Amino acid sequence: MLIASTSEVYGDPAEHPQRESYWGHVNPIGPRACYDEGKRCAETLATSYARQYGVEVRIARIFNTYGPRMHENDGRVVSNFVVQALAGQPLTVFGDGSRPVPSATCPISSRDFCG
C-alpha cells in the first residue's frame, strides 16, 4: 500500500532539512491544521493497519510539487524555477551548496521508499 503524504506533516519545522525521525512542529488548531492533521492521520492509520494486518505500507512525503493551480509568485522553489525557465532567465539558487539535500538522490522523502 502506498500513502501519498506531504511535507505538511512536519508543520512549521524547527530543523531543515527534516530527517525521517523528526516528528514535526505542528499547530493542531492553526489555519491549515485540517490539511496537516489529515495527512498525519492518514499516515497513522496506514502504519497501524500495517502493524495489525502485516501489510507492507510505504509513505511518500512529497515535497516541492508544481501544479496547475499554483500561483507564479507563491515563492516556492519549484514555481520560481518554472517561471524563470519559461522566461529564459537564469535559475536562482540560494545558498553555497553546502547544505545536504536528501532529494538530490531521491525525489521522494520516505523511509525505505527509495531503496
PDB file of N, CA and C in Angstrom:
ATOM      1  N   MET A   1       0.851  -1.161   0.000  1.00  0.00           N
ATOM      2  CA  MET A   1       0.000   0.000   0.000  1.00  0.00           C
ATOM      3  C   MET A   1       0.902   1.230   0.000  1.00  0.00           C
ATOM      4  N   LEU A   2       0.580   2.193  -0.817  1.00  0.00           N
ATOM      5  CA  LEU A   2       1.324   3.445  -0.882  1.00  0.00           C
ATOM      6  C   LEU A   2       0.427   4.585  -0.443  1.00  0.00           C
ATOM      7  N   ILE A   3       0.886   5.350   0.533  1.00  0.00           N
ATOM      8  CA  ILE A   3       0.173   6.533   1.006  1.00  0.00           C
ATOM      9  C   ILE A   3       0.926   7.764   0.493  1.00  0.00           C
ATOM     10  N   ALA A   4       0.242   8.593  -0.271  1.00  0.00           N
ATOM     11  CA  ALA A   4       0.835   9.851  -0.739  1.00  0.00           C
ATOM     12  C   ALA A   4       0.608  10.893   0.344  1.00  0.00           C
ATOM     13  N   SER A   5       1.673  11.268   1.006  1.00  0.00           N
ATOM     14  CA  SER A   5       1.586  12.257   2.070  1.00  0.00           C
ATOM     15  C   SER A   5       2.278  13.535   1.611  1.00  0.00           C
ATOM     16  N   THR A   6       2.716  14.334   2.547  1.00  0.00           N
ATOM     17  CA  THR A   6       3.271  15.635   2.210  1.00  0.00           C
ATOM     18  C   THR A   6       4.197  16.121   3.313  1.00  0.00           C
ATOM     19  N   SER A   7       5.034  17.087   2.981  1.00  0.00           N
ATOM     20  CA  SER A   7       5.900  17.695   3.985  1.00  0.00           C
ATOM     21  C   SER A   7       5.088  18.457   5.030  1.00  0.00           C
ATOM     22  N   GLU A   8       3.822  18.696   4.757  1.00  0.00           N
ATOM     23  CA  GLU A   8       2.960  19.411   5.713  1.00  0.00           C
ATOM     24  C   GLU A   8       2.834  18.662   7.039  1.00  0.00           C
ATOM     25  N   VAL A   9       3.139  17.363   7.068  1.00  0.00           N
ATOM     26  CA  VAL A   9       3.065  16.624   8.332  1.00  0.00           C
ATOM     27  C   VAL A   9       4.056  17.180   9.349  1.00  0.00           C
ATOM     28  N   TYR A  10       5.095  17.885   8.874  1.00  0.00           N
ATOM     29  CA  TYR A  10       6.081  18.469   9.773  1.00  0.00           C
ATOM     30  C   TYR A  10       5.629  19.813  10.338  1.00  0.00           C
ATOM     31  N   GLY A  11       4.551  20.377   9.802  1.00  0.00           N
ATOM     32  CA  GLY A  11       4.077  21.674  10.267  1.00  0.00           C
ATOM     33  C   GLY A  11       5.077  22.761   9.924  1.00  0.00           C
ATOM     34  N   ASP A  12       5.453  23.552  10.919  1.00  0.00           N
ATOM     35  CA  ASP A  12       6.457  24.604  10.767  1.00  0.00           C
ATOM     36  C   ASP A  12       7.738  24.060  11.393  1.00  0.00           C
ATOM     37  N   PRO A  13       8.527  23.308  10.638  1.00  0.00           N
ATOM     38  CA  PRO A  13       9.633  22.551  11.211  1.00  0.00           C
ATOM     39  C   PRO A  13      10.704  23.411  11.850  1.00  0.00           C
ATOM     40  N   ALA A  14      11.259  22.884  12.945  1.00  0.00           N
ATOM     41  CA  ALA A  14      12.343  23.557  13.649  1.00  0.00           C
ATOM     42  C   ALA A  14      13.698  23.141  13.095  1.00  0.00           C
ATOM     43  N   GLU A  15      13.740  22.141  12.220  1.00  0.00           N
ATOM     44  CA  GLU A  15      15.006  21.717  11.615  1.00  0.00           C
ATOM     45  C   GLU A  15      14.852  21.610  10.109  1.00  0.00           C
ATOM     46  N   HIS A  16      15.938  21.913   9.404  1.00  0.00           N
ATOM     47  CA  HIS A  16      15.957  21.857   7.940  1.00  0.00           C
ATOM     48  C   HIS A  16      17.265  21.227   7.494  1.00  0.00           C
ATOM     49  N   PRO A  17      17.279  20.279   6.634  1.00  0.00           N
ATOM     50  CA  PRO A  17      16.115  19.529   6.164  1.00  0.00           C
ATOM     51  C   PRO A  17      15.595  18.602   7.255  1.00  0.00           C
ATOM     52  N   GLN A  18      14.400  18.110   7.090  1.00  0.00           N
ATOM     53  CA  GLN A  18      13.797  17.238   8.087  1.00  0.00           C
ATOM     54  C   GLN A  18      14.278  15.803   7.896  1.00  0.00           C
ATOM     55  N   ARG A  19      14.699  15.181   8.988  1.00  0.00           N
ATOM     56  CA  ARG A  19      15.052  13.756   8.958  1.00  0.00           C
ATOM     57  C   ARG A  19      13.772  12.938   9.075  1.00  0.00           C
ATOM     58  N   GLU A  20      13.825  11.698   8.670  1.00  0.00           N
ATOM     59  CA  GLU A  20      12.651  10.835   8.780  1.00  0.00           C
ATOM     60  C   GLU A  20      12.239  10.637  10.226  1.00  0.00           C
ATOM     61  N   SER A  21      13.164  10.749  11.166  1.00  0.00           N
ATOM     62  CA  SER A  21      12.851  10.561  12.581  1.00  0.00           C
ATOM     63  C   SER A  21      12.247  11.811  13.226  1.00  0.00           C
ATOM     64  N   TYR A  22      12.241  12.943  12.518  1.00  0.00           N
ATOM     65  CA  TYR A  22      11.701  14.191  13.058  1.00  0.00           C
ATOM     66  C   TYR A  22      10.175  14.133  13.083  1.00  0.00           C
ATOM     67  N   TRP A  23       9.569  14.458  14.210  1.00  0.00           N
ATOM     68  CA  TRP A  23       8.114  14.344  14.367  1.00  0.00           C
ATOM     69  C   TRP A  23       7.364  15.609  14.015  1.00  0.00           C
ATOM     70  N   GLY A  24       8.057  16.691  13.841  1.00  0.00           N
ATOM     71  CA  GLY A  24       7.393  17.913  13.411  1.00  0.00           C
ATOM     72  C   GLY A  24       7.104  18.903  14.518  1.00  0.00           C
ATOM     73  N   HIS A  25       6.586  20.041  14.097  1.00  0.00           N
ATOM     74  CA  HIS A  25       6.222  21.150  14.974  1.00  0.00           C
ATOM     75  C   HIS A  25       4.897  21.681  14.429  1.00  0.00           C
ATOM     76  N   VAL A  26       3.811  21.094  14.915  1.00  0.00           N
ATOM     77  CA  VAL A  26       2.504  21.304  14.308  1.00  0.00           C
ATOM     78  C   VAL A  26       1.573  22.069  15.232  1.00  0.00           C
ATOM     79  N   ASN A  27       0.833  23.007  14.657  1.00  0.00           N
ATOM     80  CA  ASN A  27      -0.216  23.712  15.379  1.00  0.00           C
ATOM     81  C   ASN A  27      -1.545  23.026  15.025  1.00  0.00           C
ATOM     82  N   PRO A  28      -2.125  22.260  15.946  1.00  0.00           N
ATOM     83  CA  PRO A  28      -3.328  21.486  15.616  1.00  0.00           C
ATOM     84  C   PRO A  28      -4.596  22.326  15.450  1.00  0.00           C
ATOM     85  N   ILE A  29      -4.519  23.633  15.734  1.00  0.00           N
ATOM     86  CA  ILE A  29      -5.713  24.476  15.558  1.00  0.00           C
ATOM     87  C   ILE A  29      -5.431  25.680  14.659  1.00  0.00           C
ATOM     88  N   GLY A  30      -4.319  25.628  13.921  1.00  0.00           N
ATOM     89  CA  GLY A  30      -3.957  26.718  13.022  1.00  0.00           C
ATOM     90  C   GLY A  30      -4.818  26.722  11.767  1.00  0.00           C
ATOM     91  N   PRO A  31      -4.635  27.726  10.911  1.00  0.00           N
ATOM     92  CA  PRO A  31      -5.469  27.874   9.716  1.00  0.00           C
ATOM     93  C   PRO A  31      -5.344  26.715   8.716  1.00  0.00           C
ATOM     94  N   ARG A  32      -4.197  26.010   8.695  1.00  0.00           N
ATOM     95  CA  ARG A  32      -4.022  24.865   7.788  1.00  0.00           C
ATOM     96  C   ARG A  32      -4.076  23.541   8.533  1.00  0.00           C
ATOM     97  N   ALA A  33      -4.525  23.565   9.765  1.00  0.00           N
ATOM     98  CA  ALA A  33      -4.491  22.374  10.618  1.00  0.00           C
ATOM     99  C   ALA A  33      -5.256  21.196  10.031  1.00  0.00           C
ATOM    100  N   CYS A  34      -6.364  21.432   9.388  1.00  0.00           N
ATOM    101  CA  CYS A  34      -7.141  20.311   8.835  1.00  0.00           C
ATOM    102  C   CYS A  34      -6.325  19.531   7.814  1.00  0.00           C
ATOM    103  N   TYR A  35      -5.598  20.220   6.963  1.00  0.00           N
ATOM    104  CA  TYR A  35      -4.781  19.548   5.956  1.00  0.00           C
ATOM    105  C   TYR A  35      -3.615  18.815   6.618  1.00  0.00           C
ATOM    106  N   ASP A  36      -2.867  19.541   7.473  1.00  0.00           N
ATOM    107  CA  ASP A  36      -1.713  18.943   8.153  1.00  0.00           C
ATOM    108  C   ASP A  36      -2.123  17.713   8.953  1.00  0.00           C
ATOM    109  N   GLU A  37      -3.134  17.886   9.781  1.00  0.00           N
ATOM    110  CA  GLU A  37      -3.568  16.791  10.658  1.00  0.00           C
ATOM    111  C   GLU A  37      -4.200  15.654   9.861  1.00  0.00           C
ATOM    112  N   GLY A  38      -4.860  15.982   8.750  1.00  0.00           N
ATOM    113  CA  GLY A  38      -5.427  14.937   7.897  1.00  0.00           C
ATOM    114  C   GLY A  38      -4.339  14.038   7.337  1.00  0.00           C
ATOM    115  N   LYS A  39      -3.235  14.634   6.890  1.00  0.00           N
ATOM    116  CA  LYS A  39      -2.118  13.848   6.366  1.00  0.00           C
ATOM    117  C   LYS A  39      -1.465  13.038   7.483  1.00  0.00           C
ATOM    118  N   ARG A  40      -1.318  13.645   8.670  1.00  0.00           N
ATOM    119  CA  ARG A  40      -0.740  12.908   9.802  1.00  0.00           C
ATOM    120  C   ARG A  40      -1.645  11.744  10.185  1.00  0.00           C
ATOM    121  N   CYS A  41      -2.941  11.966  10.148  1.00  0.00           N
ATOM    122  CA  CYS A  41      -3.904  10.916  10.478  1.00  0.00           C
ATOM    123  C   CYS A  41      -3.817   9.774   9.458  1.00  0.00           C
ATOM    124  N   ALA A  42      -3.713  10.104   8.175  1.00  0.00           N
ATOM    125  CA  ALA A  42      -3.608   9.078   7.133  1.00  0.00           C
ATOM    126  C   ALA A  42      -2.362   8.225   7.340  1.00  0.00           C
ATOM    127  N   GLU A  43      -1.249   8.863   7.695  1.00  0.00           N
ATOM    128  CA  GLU A  43      -0.020   8.113   7.952  1.00  0.00           C
ATOM    129  C   GLU A  43      -0.185   7.204   9.170  1.00  0.00           C
ATOM    130  N   THR A  44      -0.826   7.730  10.212  1.00  0.00           N
ATOM    131  CA  THR A  44      -1.047   6.944  11.428  1.00  0.00           C
ATOM    132  C   THR A  44      -1.934   5.744  11.156  1.00  0.00           C
ATOM    133  N   LEU A  45      -3.026   5.967  10.435  1.00  0.00           N
ATOM    134  CA  LEU A  45      -3.939   4.865  10.118  1.00  0.00           C
ATOM    135  C   LEU A  45      -3.247   3.806   9.261  1.00  0.00           C
ATOM    136  N   ALA A  46      -2.464   4.240   8.292  1.00  0.00           N
ATOM    137  CA  ALA A  46      -1.770   3.295   7.409  1.00  0.00           C
ATOM    138  C   ALA A  46      -0.758   2.453   8.185  1.00  0.00           C
ATOM    139  N   THR A  47       0.028   3.081   9.049  1.00  0.00           N
ATOM    140  CA  THR A  47       1.020   2.318   9.801  1.00  0.00           C
ATOM    141  C   THR A  47       0.360   1.412  10.831  1.00  0.00           C
ATOM    142  N   SER A  48      -0.731   1.854  11.413  1.00  0.00           N
ATOM    143  CA  SER A  48      -1.467   0.993  12.345  1.00  0.00           C
ATOM    144  C   SER A  48      -2.055  -0.208  11.627  1.00  0.00           C
ATOM    145  N   TYR A  49      -2.594   0.011  10.444  1.00  0.00           N
ATOM    146  CA  TYR A  49      -3.144  -1.069   9.621  1.00  0.00           C
ATOM    147  C   TYR A  49      -2.049  -2.076   9.269  1.00  0.00           C
ATOM    148  N   ALA A  50      -0.869  -1.549   8.933  1.00  0.00           N
ATOM    149  CA  ALA A  50       0.263  -2.414   8.592  1.00  0.00           C
ATOM    150  C   ALA A  50       0.657  -3.288   9.775  1.00  0.00           C
ATOM    151  N   ARG A  51       0.721  -2.695  10.956  1.00  0.00           N
ATOM    152  CA  ARG A  51       1.063  -3.475  12.150  1.00  0.00           C
ATOM    153  C   ARG A  51      -0.003  -4.512  12.461  1.00  0.00           C
ATOM    154  N   GLN A  52      -1.264  -4.122  12.342  1.00  0.00           N
ATOM    155  CA  GLN A  52      -2.378  -5.011  12.689  1.00  0.00           C
ATOM    156  C   GLN A  52      -2.499  -6.201  11.732  1.00  0.00           C
ATOM    157  N   TYR A  53      -2.338  -5.935  10.434  1.00  0.00           N
ATOM    158  CA  TYR A  53      -2.618  -6.966   9.441  1.00  0.00           C
ATOM    159  C   TYR A  53      -1.386  -7.458   8.669  1.00  0.00           C
ATOM    160  N   GLY A  54      -0.203  -6.969   9.036  1.00  0.00           N
ATOM    161  CA  GLY A  54       1.015  -7.432   8.388  1.00  0.00           C
ATOM    162  C   GLY A  54       1.132  -7.019   6.931  1.00  0.00           C
ATOM    163  N   VAL A  55       0.493  -5.928   6.572  1.00  0.00           N
ATOM    164  CA  VAL A  55       0.537  -5.423   5.200  1.00  0.00           C
ATOM    165  C   VAL A  55       1.738  -4.487   5.058  1.00  0.00           C
ATOM    166  N   GLU A  56       2.408  -4.553   3.926  1.00  0.00           N
ATOM    167  CA  GLU A  56       3.526  -3.649   3.681  1.00  0.00           C
ATOM    168  C   GLU A  56       2.985  -2.288   3.258  1.00  0.00           C
ATOM    169  N   VAL A  57       3.413  -1.247   3.942  1.00  0.00           N
ATOM    170  CA  VAL A  57       2.968   0.115   3.666  1.00  0.00           C
ATOM    171  C   VAL A  57       4.182   0.999   3.438  1.00  0.00           C
ATOM    172  N   ARG A  58       4.088   1.861   2.449  1.00  0.00           N
ATOM    173  CA  ARG A  58       5.111   2.881   2.200  1.00  0.00           C
ATOM    174  C   ARG A  58       4.426   4.235   2.206  1.00  0.00           C
ATOM    175  N   ILE A  59       5.111   5.203   2.817  1.00  0.00           N
ATOM    176  CA  ILE A  59       4.588   6.566   2.893  1.00  0.00           C
ATOM    177  C   ILE A  59       5.523   7.463   2.097  1.00  0.00           C
ATOM    178  N   ALA A  60       5.008   8.105   1.073  1.00  0.00           N
ATOM    179  CA  ALA A  60       5.792   9.037   0.263  1.00  0.00           C
ATOM    180  C   ALA A  60       5.442  10.450   0.697  1.00  0.00           C
ATOM    181  N   ARG A  61       6.378  11.118   1.359  1.00  0.00           N
ATOM    182  CA  ARG A  61       6.182  12.513   1.758  1.00  0.00           C
ATOM    183  C   ARG A  61       6.715  13.391   0.637  1.00  0.00           C
ATOM    184  N   ILE A  62       5.809  13.895  -0.148  1.00  0.00           N
ATOM    185  CA  ILE A  62       6.162  14.614  -1.361  1.00  0.00           C
ATOM    186  C   ILE A  62       6.427  16.087  -1.036  1.00  0.00           C
ATOM    187  N   PHE A  63       7.557  16.581  -1.501  1.00  0.00           N
ATOM    188  CA  PHE A  63       7.971  17.961  -1.280  1.00  0.00           C
ATOM    189  C   PHE A  63       8.010  18.705  -2.605  1.00  0.00           C
ATOM    190  N   ASN A  64       7.832  20.001  -2.556  1.00  0.00           N
ATOM    191  CA  ASN A  64       8.089  20.890  -3.692  1.00  0.00           C
ATOM    192  C   ASN A  64       7.465  20.422  -5.005  1.00  0.00           C
ATOM    193  N   THR A  65       6.178  20.304  -5.005  1.00  0.00           N
ATOM    194  CA  THR A  65       5.487  19.910  -6.230  1.00  0.00           C
ATOM    195  C   THR A  65       4.990  21.145  -6.971  1.00  0.00           C
ATOM    196  N   TYR A  66       4.637  20.960  -8.220  1.00  0.00           N
ATOM    197  CA  TYR A  66       4.129  22.054  -9.033  1.00  0.00           C
ATOM    198  C   TYR A  66       2.864  21.575  -9.715  1.00  0.00           C
ATOM    199  N   GLY A  67       1.847  22.399  -9.723  1.00  0.00           N
ATOM    200  CA  GLY A  67       0.592  22.006 -10.345  1.00  0.00           C
ATOM    201  C   GLY A  67      -0.119  23.174 -10.991  1.00  0.00           C
ATOM    202  N   PRO A  68      -1.234  22.905 -11.664  1.00  0.00           N
ATOM    203  CA  PRO A  68      -1.919  23.929 -12.451  1.00  0.00           C
ATOM    204  C   PRO A  68      -2.519  25.068 -11.628  1.00  0.00           C
ATOM    205  N   ARG A  69      -2.789  24.864 -10.358  1.00  0.00           N
ATOM    206  CA  ARG A  69      -3.389  25.943  -9.546  1.00  0.00           C
ATOM    207  C   ARG A  69      -2.372  26.720  -8.724  1.00  0.00           C
ATOM    208  N   MET A  70      -1.108  26.399  -8.896  1.00  0.00           N
ATOM    209  CA  MET A  70      -0.067  27.094  -8.154  1.00  0.00           C
ATOM    210  C   MET A  70       0.129  28.488  -8.758  1.00  0.00           C
ATOM    211  N   HIS A  71       0.268  29.472  -7.908  1.00  0.00           N
ATOM    212  CA  HIS A  71       0.484  30.840  -8.369  1.00  0.00           C
ATOM    213  C   HIS A  71       1.955  31.053  -8.713  1.00  0.00           C
ATOM    214  N   GLU A  72       2.175  31.845  -9.731  1.00  0.00           N
ATOM    215  CA  GLU A  72       3.548  32.113 -10.178  1.00  0.00           C
ATOM    216  C   GLU A  72       4.397  32.747  -9.083  1.00  0.00           C
ATOM    217  N   ASN A  73       3.780  33.563  -8.261  1.00  0.00           N
ATOM    218  CA  ASN A  73       4.541  34.329  -7.271  1.00  0.00           C
ATOM    219  C   ASN A  73       4.385  33.782  -5.857  1.00  0.00           C
ATOM    220  N   ASP A  74       4.192  32.489  -5.710  1.00  0.00           N
ATOM    221  CA  ASP A  74       3.995  31.952  -4.355  1.00  0.00           C
ATOM    222  C   ASP A  74       5.309  31.805  -3.592  1.00  0.00           C
ATOM    223  N   GLY A  75       6.446  31.966  -4.270  1.00  0.00           N
ATOM    224  CA  GLY A  75       7.731  31.978  -3.594  1.00  0.00           C
ATOM    225  C   GLY A  75       8.361  30.609  -3.389  1.00  0.00           C
ATOM    226  N   ARG A  76       7.728  29.543  -3.853  1.00  0.00           N
ATOM    227  CA  ARG A  76       8.315  28.209  -3.685  1.00  0.00           C
ATOM    228  C   ARG A  76       9.361  27.971  -4.766  1.00  0.00           C
ATOM    229  N   VAL A  77      10.324  27.121  -4.424  1.00  0.00           N
ATOM    230  CA  VAL A  77      11.447  26.909  -5.322  1.00  0.00           C
ATOM    231  C   VAL A  77      11.012  26.354  -6.678  1.00  0.00           C
ATOM    232  N   VAL A  78      10.075  25.424  -6.700  1.00  0.00           N
ATOM    233  CA  VAL A  78       9.688  24.824  -7.983  1.00  0.00           C
ATOM    234  C   VAL A  78       8.999  25.847  -8.874  1.00  0.00           C
ATOM    235  N   SER A  79       8.056  26.613  -8.322  1.00  0.00           N
ATOM    236  CA  SER A  79       7.384  27.616  -9.153  1.00  0.00           C
ATOM    237  C   SER A  79       8.362  28.694  -9.598  1.00  0.00           C
ATOM    238  N   ASN A  80       9.301  29.077  -8.741  1.00  0.00           N
ATOM    239  CA  ASN A  80      10.317  30.056  -9.144  1.00  0.00           C
ATOM    240  C   ASN A  80      11.147  29.527 -10.302  1.00  0.00           C
ATOM    241  N   PHE A  81      11.574  28.273 -10.230  1.00  0.00           N
ATOM    242  CA  PHE A  81      12.358  27.670 -11.311  1.00  0.00           C
ATOM    243  C   PHE A  81      11.562  27.635 -12.613  1.00  0.00           C
ATOM    244  N   VAL A  82      10.305  27.218 -12.539  1.00  0.00           N
ATOM    245  CA  VAL A  82       9.479  27.122 -13.745  1.00  0.00           C
ATOM    246  C   VAL A  82       9.296  28.495 -14.375  1.00  0.00           C
ATOM    247  N   VAL A  83       8.952  29.500 -13.568  1.00  0.00           N
ATOM    248  CA  VAL A  83       8.735  30.855 -14.084  1.00  0.00           C
ATOM    249  C   VAL A  83      10.018  31.400 -14.711  1.00  0.00           C
ATOM    250  N   GLN A  84      11.156  31.226 -14.015  1.00  0.00           N
ATOM    251  CA  GLN A  84      12.421  31.718 -14.555  1.00  0.00           C
ATOM    252  C   GLN A  84      12.805  30.985 -15.836  1.00  0.00           C
ATOM    253  N   ALA A  85      12.605  29.666 -15.873  1.00  0.00           N
ATOM    254  CA  ALA A  85      12.948  28.887 -17.067  1.00  0.00           C
ATOM    255  C   ALA A  85      12.095  29.304 -18.254  1.00  0.00           C
ATOM    256  N   LEU A  86      10.785  29.487 -18.035  1.00  0.00           N
ATOM    257  CA  LEU A  86       9.898  29.896 -19.129  1.00  0.00           C
ATOM    258  C   LEU A  86      10.228  31.292 -19.648  1.00  0.00           C
ATOM    259  N   ALA A  87      10.773  32.135 -18.768  1.00  0.00           N
ATOM    260  CA  ALA A  87      11.140  33.495 -19.164  1.00  0.00           C
ATOM    261  C   ALA A  87      12.562  33.560 -19.729  1.00  0.00           C
ATOM    262  N   GLY A  88      13.260  32.405 -19.778  1.00  0.00           N
ATOM    263  CA  GLY A  88      14.626  32.387 -20.292  1.00  0.00           C
ATOM    264  C   GLY A  88      15.631  33.022 -19.356  1.00  0.00           C
ATOM    265  N   GLN A  89      15.290  33.111 -18.069  1.00  0.00           N
ATOM    266  CA  GLN A  89      16.177  33.711 -17.078  1.00  0.00           C
ATOM    267  C   GLN A  89      17.030  32.641 -16.403  1.00  0.00           C
ATOM    268  N   PRO A  90      18.168  33.028 -15.835  1.00  0.00           N
ATOM    269  CA  PRO A  90      18.961  32.062 -15.062  1.00  0.00           C
ATOM    270  C   PRO A  90      18.177  31.637 -13.810  1.00  0.00           C
ATOM    271  N   LEU A  91      18.339  30.371 -13.408  1.00  0.00           N
ATOM    272  CA  LEU A  91      17.644  29.872 -12.220  1.00  0.00           C
ATOM    273  C   LEU A  91      18.349  30.363 -10.969  1.00  0.00           C
ATOM    274  N   THR A  92      17.573  30.907 -10.039  1.00  0.00           N
ATOM    275  CA  THR A  92      18.118  31.403  -8.786  1.00  0.00           C
ATOM    276  C   THR A  92      18.254  30.252  -7.805  1.00  0.00           C
ATOM    277  N   VAL A  93      19.468  30.073  -7.293  1.00  0.00           N
ATOM    278  CA  VAL A  93      19.727  29.055  -6.289  1.00  0.00           C
ATOM    279  C   VAL A  93      20.316  29.766  -5.082  1.00  0.00           C
ATOM    280  N   PHE A  94      19.669  29.627  -3.934  1.00  0.00           N
ATOM    281  CA  PHE A  94      20.145  30.270  -2.711  1.00  0.00           C
ATOM    282  C   PHE A  94      21.080  29.315  -1.970  1.00  0.00           C
ATOM    283  N   GLY A  95      22.043  29.849  -1.273  1.00  0.00           N
ATOM    284  CA  GLY A  95      22.973  29.036  -0.502  1.00  0.00           C
ATOM    285  C   GLY A  95      24.277  28.836  -1.252  1.00  0.00           C
ATOM    286  N   ASP A  96      25.204  28.207  -0.545  1.00  0.00           N
ATOM    287  CA  ASP A  96      26.538  27.985  -1.115  1.00  0.00           C
ATOM    288  C   ASP A  96      26.753  26.537  -1.539  1.00  0.00           C
ATOM    289  N   GLY A  97      25.707  25.719  -1.466  1.00  0.00           N
ATOM    290  CA  GLY A  97      25.809  24.327  -1.881  1.00  0.00           C
ATOM    291  C   GLY A  97      26.266  23.386  -0.790  1.00  0.00           C
ATOM    292  N   SER A  98      26.499  23.911   0.407  1.00  0.00           N
ATOM    293  CA  SER A  98      27.000  23.057   1.483  1.00  0.00           C
ATOM    294  C   SER A  98      25.890  22.319   2.234  1.00  0.00           C
ATOM    295  N   ARG A  99      24.665  22.777   2.125  1.00  0.00           N
ATOM    296  CA  ARG A  99      23.556  22.132   2.831  1.00  0.00           C
ATOM    297  C   ARG A  99      23.198  20.817   2.150  1.00  0.00           C
ATOM    298  N   PRO A 100      23.105  19.723   2.931  1.00  0.00           N
ATOM    299  CA  PRO A 100      22.734  18.447   2.307  1.00  0.00           C
ATOM    300  C   PRO A 100      21.286  18.480   1.832  1.00  0.00           C
ATOM    301  N   VAL A 101      21.052  17.948   0.662  1.00  0.00           N
ATOM    302  CA  VAL A 101      19.710  17.902   0.093  1.00  0.00           C
ATOM    303  C   VAL A 101      19.366  16.444  -0.187  1.00  0.00           C
ATOM    304  N   PRO A 102      18.591  15.782   0.709  1.00  0.00           N
ATOM    305  CA  PRO A 102      18.296  14.375   0.508  1.00  0.00           C
ATOM    306  C   PRO A 102      17.582  14.100  -0.800  1.00  0.00           C
ATOM    307  N   SER A 103      16.775  15.049  -1.279  1.00  0.00           N
ATOM    308  CA  SER A 103      16.022  14.790  -2.503  1.00  0.00           C
ATOM    309  C   SER A 103      16.891  14.855  -3.753  1.00  0.00           C
ATOM    310  N   ALA A 104      18.180  15.176  -3.587  1.00  0.00           N
ATOM    311  CA  ALA A 104      19.058  15.201  -4.756  1.00  0.00           C
ATOM    312  C   ALA A 104      19.249  13.798  -5.323  1.00  0.00           C
ATOM    313  N   THR A 105      19.156  12.787  -4.473  1.00  0.00           N
ATOM    314  CA  THR A 105      19.317  11.418  -4.951  1.00  0.00           C
ATOM    315  C   THR A 105      17.981  10.703  -5.066  1.00  0.00           C
ATOM    316  N   CYS A 106      16.985  11.221  -4.417  1.00  0.00           N
ATOM    317  CA  CYS A 106      15.667  10.600  -4.455  1.00  0.00           C
ATOM    318  C   CYS A 106      14.618  11.697  -4.370  1.00  0.00           C
ATOM    319  N   PRO A 107      13.727  11.816  -5.343  1.00  0.00           N
ATOM    320  CA  PRO A 107      12.774  12.916  -5.339  1.00  0.00           C
ATOM    321  C   PRO A 107      11.674  12.786  -4.292  1.00  0.00           C
ATOM    322  N   ILE A 108      11.659  11.697  -3.545  1.00  0.00           N
ATOM    323  CA  ILE A 108      10.615  11.489  -2.537  1.00  0.00           C
ATOM    324  C   ILE A 108      11.277  11.198  -1.208  1.00  0.00           C
ATOM    325  N   SER A 109      10.877  11.914  -0.179  1.00  0.00           N
ATOM    326  CA  SER A 109      11.391  11.657   1.144  1.00  0.00           C
ATOM    327  C   SER A 109      10.486  10.646   1.830  1.00  0.00           C
ATOM    328  N   SER A 110      10.960   9.445   2.010  1.00  0.00           N
ATOM    329  CA  SER A 110      10.158   8.425   2.651  1.00  0.00           C
ATOM    330  C   SER A 110      11.028   7.282   3.130  1.00  0.00           C
ATOM    331  N   ARG A 111      10.791   6.856   4.339  1.00  0.00           N
ATOM    332  CA  ARG A 111      11.565   5.776   4.931  1.00  0.00           C
ATOM    333  C   ARG A 111      11.506   4.529   4.050  1.00  0.00           C
ATOM    334  N   ASP A 112      12.648   4.069   3.611  1.00  0.00           N
ATOM    335  CA  ASP A 112      12.805   2.846   2.819  1.00  0.00           C
ATOM    336  C   ASP A 112      12.107   2.877   1.464  1.00  0.00           C
ATOM    337  N   PHE A 113      11.573   4.001   1.048  1.00  0.00           N
ATOM    338  CA  PHE A 113      10.830   4.031  -0.210  1.00  0.00           C
ATOM    339  C   PHE A 113      11.759   3.951  -1.408  1.00  0.00           C
ATOM    340  N   CYS A 114      12.898   4.587  -1.304  1.00  0.00           N
ATOM    341  CA  CYS A 114      13.791   4.672  -2.459  1.00  0.00           C
ATOM    342  C   CYS A 114      14.937   3.676  -2.399  1.00  0.00           C
ATOM    343  N   GLY A 115      14.847   2.706  -1.531  1.00  0.00           N
ATOM    344  CA  GLY A 115      15.876   1.688  -1.590  1.00  0.00           C
ATOM    345  C   GLY A 115      16.639   1.460  -0.349  1.00  0.00           C
TER     346      GLY A 115
END
